[in-house]
Every structure is written in structure tokens, then in C-alpha cells.
PDB file of all heavy atoms in Angstrom:
ATOM      1  N   HIS A   1     257.860-141.992 166.544  1.00  0.00           N
ATOM      2  CA  HIS A   1     257.883-141.994 168.008  1.00  0.00           C
ATOM      3  C   HIS A   1     257.828-143.417 168.557  1.00  0.00           C
ATOM      4  O   HIS A   1     258.556-143.763 169.496  1.00  0.00           O
ATOM      5  CB  HIS A   1     256.702-141.183 168.551  1.00  0.00           C
ATOM      6  CG  HIS A   1     256.937-139.719 168.574  1.00  0.00           C
ATOM      7  ND1 HIS A   1     256.092-138.812 167.964  1.00  0.00           N
ATOM      8  CD2 HIS A   1     257.945-138.979 169.129  1.00  0.00           C
ATOM      9  CE1 HIS A   1     256.549-137.590 168.137  1.00  0.00           C
ATOM     10  NE2 HIS A   1     257.670-137.662 168.835  1.00  0.00           N
ATOM     11  N   MET A   2     256.970-144.240 167.963  1.00  0.00           N
ATOM     12  CA  MET A   2     256.843-145.601 168.453  1.00  0.00           C
ATOM     13  C   MET A   2     258.112-146.399 168.192  1.00  0.00           C
ATOM     14  O   MET A   2     258.524-147.228 169.005  1.00  0.00           O
ATOM     15  CB  MET A   2     255.634-146.287 167.813  1.00  0.00           C
ATOM     16  CG  MET A   2     255.214-147.568 168.528  1.00  0.00           C
ATOM     17  SD  MET A   2     254.803-147.309 170.279  1.00  0.00           S
ATOM     18  CE  MET A   2     253.214-146.488 170.138  1.00  0.00           C
ATOM     19  N   GLN A   3     258.777-146.126 167.049  1.00  0.00           N
ATOM     20  CA  GLN A   3     260.034-146.812 166.764  1.00  0.00           C
ATOM     21  C   GLN A   3     261.103-146.390 167.768  1.00  0.00           C
ATOM     22  O   GLN A   3     261.914-147.215 168.215  1.00  0.00           O
ATOM     23  CB  GLN A   3     260.487-146.498 165.336  1.00  0.00           C
ATOM     24  CG  GLN A   3     261.727-147.279 164.907  1.00  0.00           C
ATOM     25  CD  GLN A   3     261.490-148.781 164.922  1.00  0.00           C
ATOM     26  OE1 GLN A   3     260.526-149.286 164.353  1.00  0.00           O
ATOM     27  NE2 GLN A   3     262.378-149.512 165.599  1.00  0.00           N
ATOM     28  N   GLN A   4     261.107-145.105 168.115  1.00  0.00           N
ATOM     29  CA  GLN A   4     262.071-144.624 169.111  1.00  0.00           C
ATOM     30  C   GLN A   4     261.866-145.348 170.446  1.00  0.00           C
ATOM     31  O   GLN A   4     262.837-145.768 171.098  1.00  0.00           O
ATOM     32  CB  GLN A   4     261.924-143.110 169.295  1.00  0.00           C
ATOM     33  CG  GLN A   4     262.919-142.520 170.286  1.00  0.00           C
ATOM     34  CD  GLN A   4     262.629-141.059 170.582  1.00  0.00           C
ATOM     35  OE1 GLN A   4     261.474-140.619 170.585  1.00  0.00           O
ATOM     36  NE2 GLN A   4     263.677-140.291 170.846  1.00  0.00           N
ATOM     37  N   LEU A   5     260.608-145.508 170.861  1.00  0.00           N
ATOM     38  CA  LEU A   5     260.326-146.196 172.119  1.00  0.00           C
ATOM     39  C   LEU A   5     260.682-147.676 172.018  1.00  0.00           C
ATOM     40  O   LEU A   5     261.237-148.261 172.954  1.00  0.00           O
ATOM     41  CB  LEU A   5     258.855-146.021 172.498  1.00  0.00           C
ATOM     42  CG  LEU A   5     258.418-146.653 173.823  1.00  0.00           C
ATOM     43  CD1 LEU A   5     259.240-146.115 174.990  1.00  0.00           C
ATOM     44  CD2 LEU A   5     256.929-146.418 174.071  1.00  0.00           C
ATOM     45  N   SER A   6     260.392-148.280 170.859  1.00  0.00           N
ATOM     46  CA  SER A   6     260.725-149.690 170.668  1.00  0.00           C
ATOM     47  C   SER A   6     262.240-149.901 170.724  1.00  0.00           C
ATOM     48  O   SER A   6     262.721-150.869 171.330  1.00  0.00           O
ATOM     49  CB  SER A   6     260.171-150.181 169.329  1.00  0.00           C
ATOM     50  OG  SER A   6     260.444-151.544 169.135  1.00  0.00           O
ATOM     51  N   ASP A   7     262.989-148.993 170.115  1.00  0.00           N
ATOM     52  CA  ASP A   7     264.454-149.088 170.162  1.00  0.00           C
ATOM     53  C   ASP A   7     264.952-148.960 171.602  1.00  0.00           C
ATOM     54  O   ASP A   7     265.900-149.651 172.007  1.00  0.00           O
ATOM     55  CB  ASP A   7     265.088-148.002 169.300  1.00  0.00           C
ATOM     56  CG  ASP A   7     264.872-148.243 167.807  1.00  0.00           C
ATOM     57  OD1 ASP A   7     264.522-149.381 167.434  1.00  0.00           O
ATOM     58  OD2 ASP A   7     265.043-147.286 167.028  1.00  0.00           O
ATOM     59  N   PHE A   8     264.323-148.070 172.380  1.00  0.00           N
ATOM     60  CA  PHE A   8     264.722-147.896 173.777  1.00  0.00           C
ATOM     61  C   PHE A   8     264.443-149.170 174.580  1.00  0.00           C
ATOM     62  O   PHE A   8     265.227-149.541 175.462  1.00  0.00           O
ATOM     63  CB  PHE A   8     263.983-146.710 174.385  1.00  0.00           C
ATOM     64  CG  PHE A   8     264.433-146.350 175.776  1.00  0.00           C
ATOM     65  CD1 PHE A   8     265.703-145.836 175.995  1.00  0.00           C
ATOM     66  CD2 PHE A   8     263.593-146.532 176.865  1.00  0.00           C
ATOM     67  CE1 PHE A   8     266.131-145.501 177.280  1.00  0.00           C
ATOM     68  CE2 PHE A   8     264.010-146.205 178.144  1.00  0.00           C
ATOM     69  CZ  PHE A   8     265.283-145.686 178.352  1.00  0.00           C
ATOM     70  N   CYS A   9     263.335-149.847 174.269  1.00  0.00           N
ATOM     71  CA  CYS A   9     263.046-151.133 174.912  1.00  0.00           C
ATOM     72  C   CYS A   9     264.160-152.144 174.634  1.00  0.00           C
ATOM     73  O   CYS A   9     264.632-152.839 175.550  1.00  0.00           O
ATOM     74  CB  CYS A   9     261.719-151.694 174.398  1.00  0.00           C
ATOM     75  SG  CYS A   9     260.253-150.867 175.011  1.00  0.00           S
ATOM     76  N   LEU A  10     264.582-152.228 173.367  1.00  0.00           N
ATOM     77  CA  LEU A  10     265.629-153.185 173.011  1.00  0.00           C
ATOM     78  C   LEU A  10     266.948-152.845 173.692  1.00  0.00           C
ATOM     79  O   LEU A  10     267.652-153.736 174.194  1.00  0.00           O
ATOM     80  CB  LEU A  10     265.814-153.201 171.488  1.00  0.00           C
ATOM     81  CG  LEU A  10     264.651-153.778 170.677  1.00  0.00           C
ATOM     82  CD1 LEU A  10     264.906-153.593 169.178  1.00  0.00           C
ATOM     83  CD2 LEU A  10     264.452-155.251 171.004  1.00  0.00           C
ATOM     84  N   GLN A  11     267.289-151.553 173.724  1.00  0.00           N
ATOM     85  CA  GLN A  11     268.528-151.140 174.384  1.00  0.00           C
ATOM     86  C   GLN A  11     268.483-151.462 175.878  1.00  0.00           C
ATOM     87  O   GLN A  11     269.465-151.949 176.458  1.00  0.00           O
ATOM     88  CB  GLN A  11     268.755-149.639 174.175  1.00  0.00           C
ATOM     89  CG  GLN A  11     269.020-149.244 172.726  1.00  0.00           C
ATOM     90  CD  GLN A  11     268.827-147.764 172.487  1.00  0.00           C
ATOM     91  OE1 GLN A  11     268.724-146.978 173.437  1.00  0.00           O
ATOM     92  NE2 GLN A  11     268.758-147.369 171.223  1.00  0.00           N
ATOM     93  N   SER A  12     267.347-151.203 176.499  1.00  0.00           N
ATOM     94  CA  SER A  12     267.200-151.463 177.932  1.00  0.00           C
ATOM     95  C   SER A  12     267.246-152.957 178.217  1.00  0.00           C
ATOM     96  O   SER A  12     267.862-153.399 179.197  1.00  0.00           O
ATOM     97  CB  SER A  12     265.890-150.859 178.451  1.00  0.00           C
ATOM     98  OG  SER A  12     265.864-149.460 178.265  1.00  0.00           O
ATOM     99  N   ASP A  13     266.606-153.740 177.353  1.00  0.00           N
ATOM    100  CA  ASP A  13     266.624-155.188 177.543  1.00  0.00           C
ATOM    101  C   ASP A  13     268.043-155.738 177.363  1.00  0.00           C
ATOM    102  O   ASP A  13     268.460-156.648 178.103  1.00  0.00           O
ATOM    103  CB  ASP A  13     265.660-155.853 176.562  1.00  0.00           C
ATOM    104  CG  ASP A  13     265.509-157.343 176.816  1.00  0.00           C
ATOM    105  OD1 ASP A  13     264.987-157.711 177.884  1.00  0.00           O
ATOM    106  OD2 ASP A  13     265.922-158.142 175.960  1.00  0.00           O
ATOM    107  N   ASP A  14     268.765-155.186 176.395  1.00  0.00           N
ATOM    108  CA  ASP A  14     270.162-155.604 176.214  1.00  0.00           C
ATOM    109  C   ASP A  14     270.984-155.294 177.460  1.00  0.00           C
ATOM    110  O   ASP A  14     271.838-156.106 177.879  1.00  0.00           O
ATOM    111  CB  ASP A  14     270.772-154.889 175.008  1.00  0.00           C
ATOM    112  CG  ASP A  14     270.277-155.440 173.680  1.00  0.00           C
ATOM    113  OD1 ASP A  14     269.706-156.546 173.678  1.00  0.00           O
ATOM    114  OD2 ASP A  14     270.450-154.757 172.656  1.00  0.00           O
ATOM    115  N   ARG A  15     270.759-154.127 178.063  1.00  0.00           N
ATOM    116  CA  ARG A  15     271.481-153.753 179.273  1.00  0.00           C
ATOM    117  C   ARG A  15     271.116-154.710 180.421  1.00  0.00           C
ATOM    118  O   ARG A  15     271.991-155.140 181.174  1.00  0.00           O
ATOM    119  CB  ARG A  15     271.141-152.308 179.649  1.00  0.00           C
ATOM    120  CG  ARG A  15     271.629-151.867 181.020  1.00  0.00           C
ATOM    121  CD  ARG A  15     273.125-151.951 181.155  1.00  0.00           C
ATOM    122  NE  ARG A  15     273.558-151.443 182.465  1.00  0.00           N
ATOM    123  CZ  ARG A  15     274.705-151.735 183.031  1.00  0.00           C
ATOM    124  NH1 ARG A  15     275.580-152.531 182.410  1.00  0.00           N
ATOM    125  NH2 ARG A  15     275.023-151.230 184.212  1.00  0.00           N
ATOM    126  N   TRP A  16     269.820-155.063 180.544  1.00  0.00           N
ATOM    127  CA  TRP A  16     269.392-156.017 181.579  1.00  0.00           C
ATOM    128  C   TRP A  16     270.082-157.367 181.376  1.00  0.00           C
ATOM    129  O   TRP A  16     270.542-157.981 182.333  1.00  0.00           O
ATOM    130  CB  TRP A  16     267.870-156.158 181.537  1.00  0.00           C
ATOM    131  CG  TRP A  16     267.353-157.276 182.403  1.00  0.00           C
ATOM    132  CD1 TRP A  16     267.187-157.252 183.754  1.00  0.00           C
ATOM    133  CD2 TRP A  16     266.948-158.583 181.973  1.00  0.00           C
ATOM    134  NE1 TRP A  16     266.697-158.469 184.205  1.00  0.00           N
ATOM    135  CE2 TRP A  16     266.544-159.301 183.129  1.00  0.00           C
ATOM    136  CE3 TRP A  16     266.873-159.212 180.738  1.00  0.00           C
ATOM    137  CZ2 TRP A  16     266.082-160.615 183.075  1.00  0.00           C
ATOM    138  CZ3 TRP A  16     266.413-160.520 180.674  1.00  0.00           C
ATOM    139  CH2 TRP A  16     266.027-161.209 181.828  1.00  0.00           C
ATOM    140  N   ARG A  17     270.162-157.821 180.124  1.00  0.00           N
ATOM    141  CA  ARG A  17     270.824-159.100 179.845  1.00  0.00           C
ATOM    142  C   ARG A  17     272.312-159.031 180.171  1.00  0.00           C
ATOM    143  O   ARG A  17     272.905-160.014 180.652  1.00  0.00           O
ATOM    144  CB  ARG A  17     270.604-159.502 178.387  1.00  0.00           C
ATOM    145  CG  ARG A  17     269.156-159.848 178.082  1.00  0.00           C
ATOM    146  CD  ARG A  17     268.946-160.266 176.644  1.00  0.00           C
ATOM    147  NE  ARG A  17     267.528-160.419 176.364  1.00  0.00           N
ATOM    148  CZ  ARG A  17     266.810-161.491 176.697  1.00  0.00           C
ATOM    149  NH1 ARG A  17     267.411-162.516 177.297  1.00  0.00           N
ATOM    150  NH2 ARG A  17     265.533-161.560 176.426  1.00  0.00           N
ATOM    151  N   GLU A  18     272.922-157.898 179.914  1.00  0.00           N
ATOM    152  CA  GLU A  18     274.331-157.728 180.262  1.00  0.00           C
ATOM    153  C   GLU A  18     274.534-157.893 181.769  1.00  0.00           C
ATOM    154  O   GLU A  18     275.492-158.536 182.219  1.00  0.00           O
ATOM    155  CB  GLU A  18     274.789-156.333 179.817  1.00  0.00           C
ATOM    156  CG  GLU A  18     276.230-155.988 180.172  1.00  0.00           C
ATOM    157  CD  GLU A  18     276.565-154.552 179.799  1.00  0.00           C
ATOM    158  OE1 GLU A  18     276.001-154.038 178.815  1.00  0.00           O
ATOM    159  OE2 GLU A  18     277.385-153.942 180.518  1.00  0.00           O
ATOM    160  N   LEU A  19     273.615-157.344 182.560  1.00  0.00           N
ATOM    161  CA  LEU A  19     273.719-157.456 184.012  1.00  0.00           C
ATOM    162  C   LEU A  19     273.440-158.879 184.487  1.00  0.00           C
ATOM    163  O   LEU A  19     274.159-159.420 185.331  1.00  0.00           O
ATOM    164  CB  LEU A  19     272.739-156.482 184.678  1.00  0.00           C
ATOM    165  CG  LEU A  19     273.055-154.992 184.519  1.00  0.00           C
ATOM    166  CD1 LEU A  19     271.861-154.145 184.946  1.00  0.00           C
ATOM    167  CD2 LEU A  19     274.284-154.613 185.339  1.00  0.00           C
ATOM    168  N   THR A  20     272.402-159.494 183.945  1.00  0.00           N
ATOM    169  CA  THR A  20     272.002-160.813 184.441  1.00  0.00           C
ATOM    170  C   THR A  20     272.890-161.931 183.909  1.00  0.00           C
ATOM    171  O   THR A  20     272.895-163.026 184.484  1.00  0.00           O
ATOM    172  CB  THR A  20     270.531-161.113 184.081  1.00  0.00           C
ATOM    173  OG1 THR A  20     270.352-161.036 182.654  1.00  0.00           O
ATOM    174  CG2 THR A  20     269.602-160.114 184.749  1.00  0.00           C
ATOM    175  N   ASP A  21     273.625-161.696 182.832  1.00  0.00           N
ATOM    176  CA  ASP A  21     274.543-162.720 182.318  1.00  0.00           C
ATOM    177  C   ASP A  21     275.642-163.048 183.327  1.00  0.00           C
ATOM    178  O   ASP A  21     276.279-164.107 183.242  1.00  0.00           O
ATOM    179  CB  ASP A  21     275.177-162.269 180.998  1.00  0.00           C
ATOM    180  CG  ASP A  21     274.234-162.472 179.815  1.00  0.00           C
ATOM    181  OD1 ASP A  21     273.225-163.178 179.987  1.00  0.00           O
ATOM    182  OD2 ASP A  21     274.515-161.917 178.736  1.00  0.00           O
ATOM    183  N   GLU A  22     275.863-162.136 184.269  1.00  0.00           N
ATOM    184  CA  GLU A  22     276.886-162.378 185.289  1.00  0.00           C
ATOM    185  C   GLU A  22     276.415-163.369 186.350  1.00  0.00           C
ATOM    186  O   GLU A  22     277.217-163.856 187.150  1.00  0.00           O
ATOM    187  CB  GLU A  22     277.265-161.054 185.955  1.00  0.00           C
ATOM    188  CG  GLU A  22     277.814-160.010 184.980  1.00  0.00           C
ATOM    189  CD  GLU A  22     278.033-158.666 185.659  1.00  0.00           C
ATOM    190  OE1 GLU A  22     277.758-158.574 186.877  1.00  0.00           O
ATOM    191  OE2 GLU A  22     278.477-157.722 184.981  1.00  0.00           O
ATOM    192  N   LEU A  23     275.107-163.666 186.361  1.00  0.00           N
ATOM    193  CA  LEU A  23     274.546-164.559 187.378  1.00  0.00           C
ATOM    194  C   LEU A  23     274.622-166.013 186.925  1.00  0.00           C
ATOM    195  O   LEU A  23     274.723-166.292 185.728  1.00  0.00           O
ATOM    196  CB  LEU A  23     273.079-164.185 187.636  1.00  0.00           C
ATOM    197  CG  LEU A  23     272.829-162.768 188.149  1.00  0.00           C
ATOM    198  CD1 LEU A  23     271.332-162.476 188.174  1.00  0.00           C
ATOM    199  CD2 LEU A  23     273.427-162.589 189.541  1.00  0.00           C
ATOM    200  N   PRO A  24     274.529-166.971 187.858  1.00  0.00           N
ATOM    201  CA  PRO A  24     274.467-168.382 187.466  1.00  0.00           C
ATOM    202  C   PRO A  24     273.253-168.651 186.590  1.00  0.00           C
ATOM    203  O   PRO A  24     272.206-168.025 186.757  1.00  0.00           O
ATOM    204  CB  PRO A  24     274.353-169.116 188.813  1.00  0.00           C
ATOM    205  CG  PRO A  24     274.841-168.146 189.839  1.00  0.00           C
ATOM    206  CD  PRO A  24     274.520-166.784 189.321  1.00  0.00           C
ATOM    207  N   ALA A  25     273.370-169.568 185.655  1.00  0.00           N
ATOM    208  CA  ALA A  25     272.261-169.898 184.749  1.00  0.00           C
ATOM    209  C   ALA A  25     271.032-170.314 185.549  1.00  0.00           C
ATOM    210  O   ALA A  25     271.117-171.090 186.496  1.00  0.00           O
ATOM    211  CB  ALA A  25     272.676-171.019 183.801  1.00  0.00           C
ATOM    212  N   GLY A  26     269.872-169.768 185.150  1.00  0.00           N
ATOM    213  CA  GLY A  26     268.627-170.102 185.818  1.00  0.00           C
ATOM    214  C   GLY A  26     268.351-169.310 187.077  1.00  0.00           C
ATOM    215  O   GLY A  26     267.370-169.575 187.778  1.00  0.00           O
ATOM    216  N   HIS A  27     269.203-168.332 187.398  1.00  0.00           N
ATOM    217  CA  HIS A  27     268.997-167.508 188.589  1.00  0.00           C
ATOM    218  C   HIS A  27     267.636-166.832 188.510  1.00  0.00           C
ATOM    219  O   HIS A  27     267.155-166.449 187.443  1.00  0.00           O
ATOM    220  CB  HIS A  27     270.110-166.460 188.681  1.00  0.00           C
ATOM    221  CG  HIS A  27     270.148-165.714 189.973  1.00  0.00           C
ATOM    222  ND1 HIS A  27     269.275-164.693 190.269  1.00  0.00           N
ATOM    223  CD2 HIS A  27     270.961-165.839 191.060  1.00  0.00           C
ATOM    224  CE1 HIS A  27     269.538-164.224 191.469  1.00  0.00           C
ATOM    225  NE2 HIS A  27     270.570-164.899 191.975  1.00  0.00           N
TER     226      HIS A  27
END
């Protein structure tokens, strides 16, 4: 269960980075 939640954290963080990569550096 904890691994499942940890994997979801990584997937969500990857999605956040995908969104924020579109912004100017240091935004």
C-alpha cells in the first residue's frame, strides 16, 4: 500500500513538472 502511494506521489510530481516546465525558469 505504501509503495502504491509513493508511486502516485512520483506520478503526480511528474505531472506537476510537466505543467511548470512551460513557465519561465525560476517562476
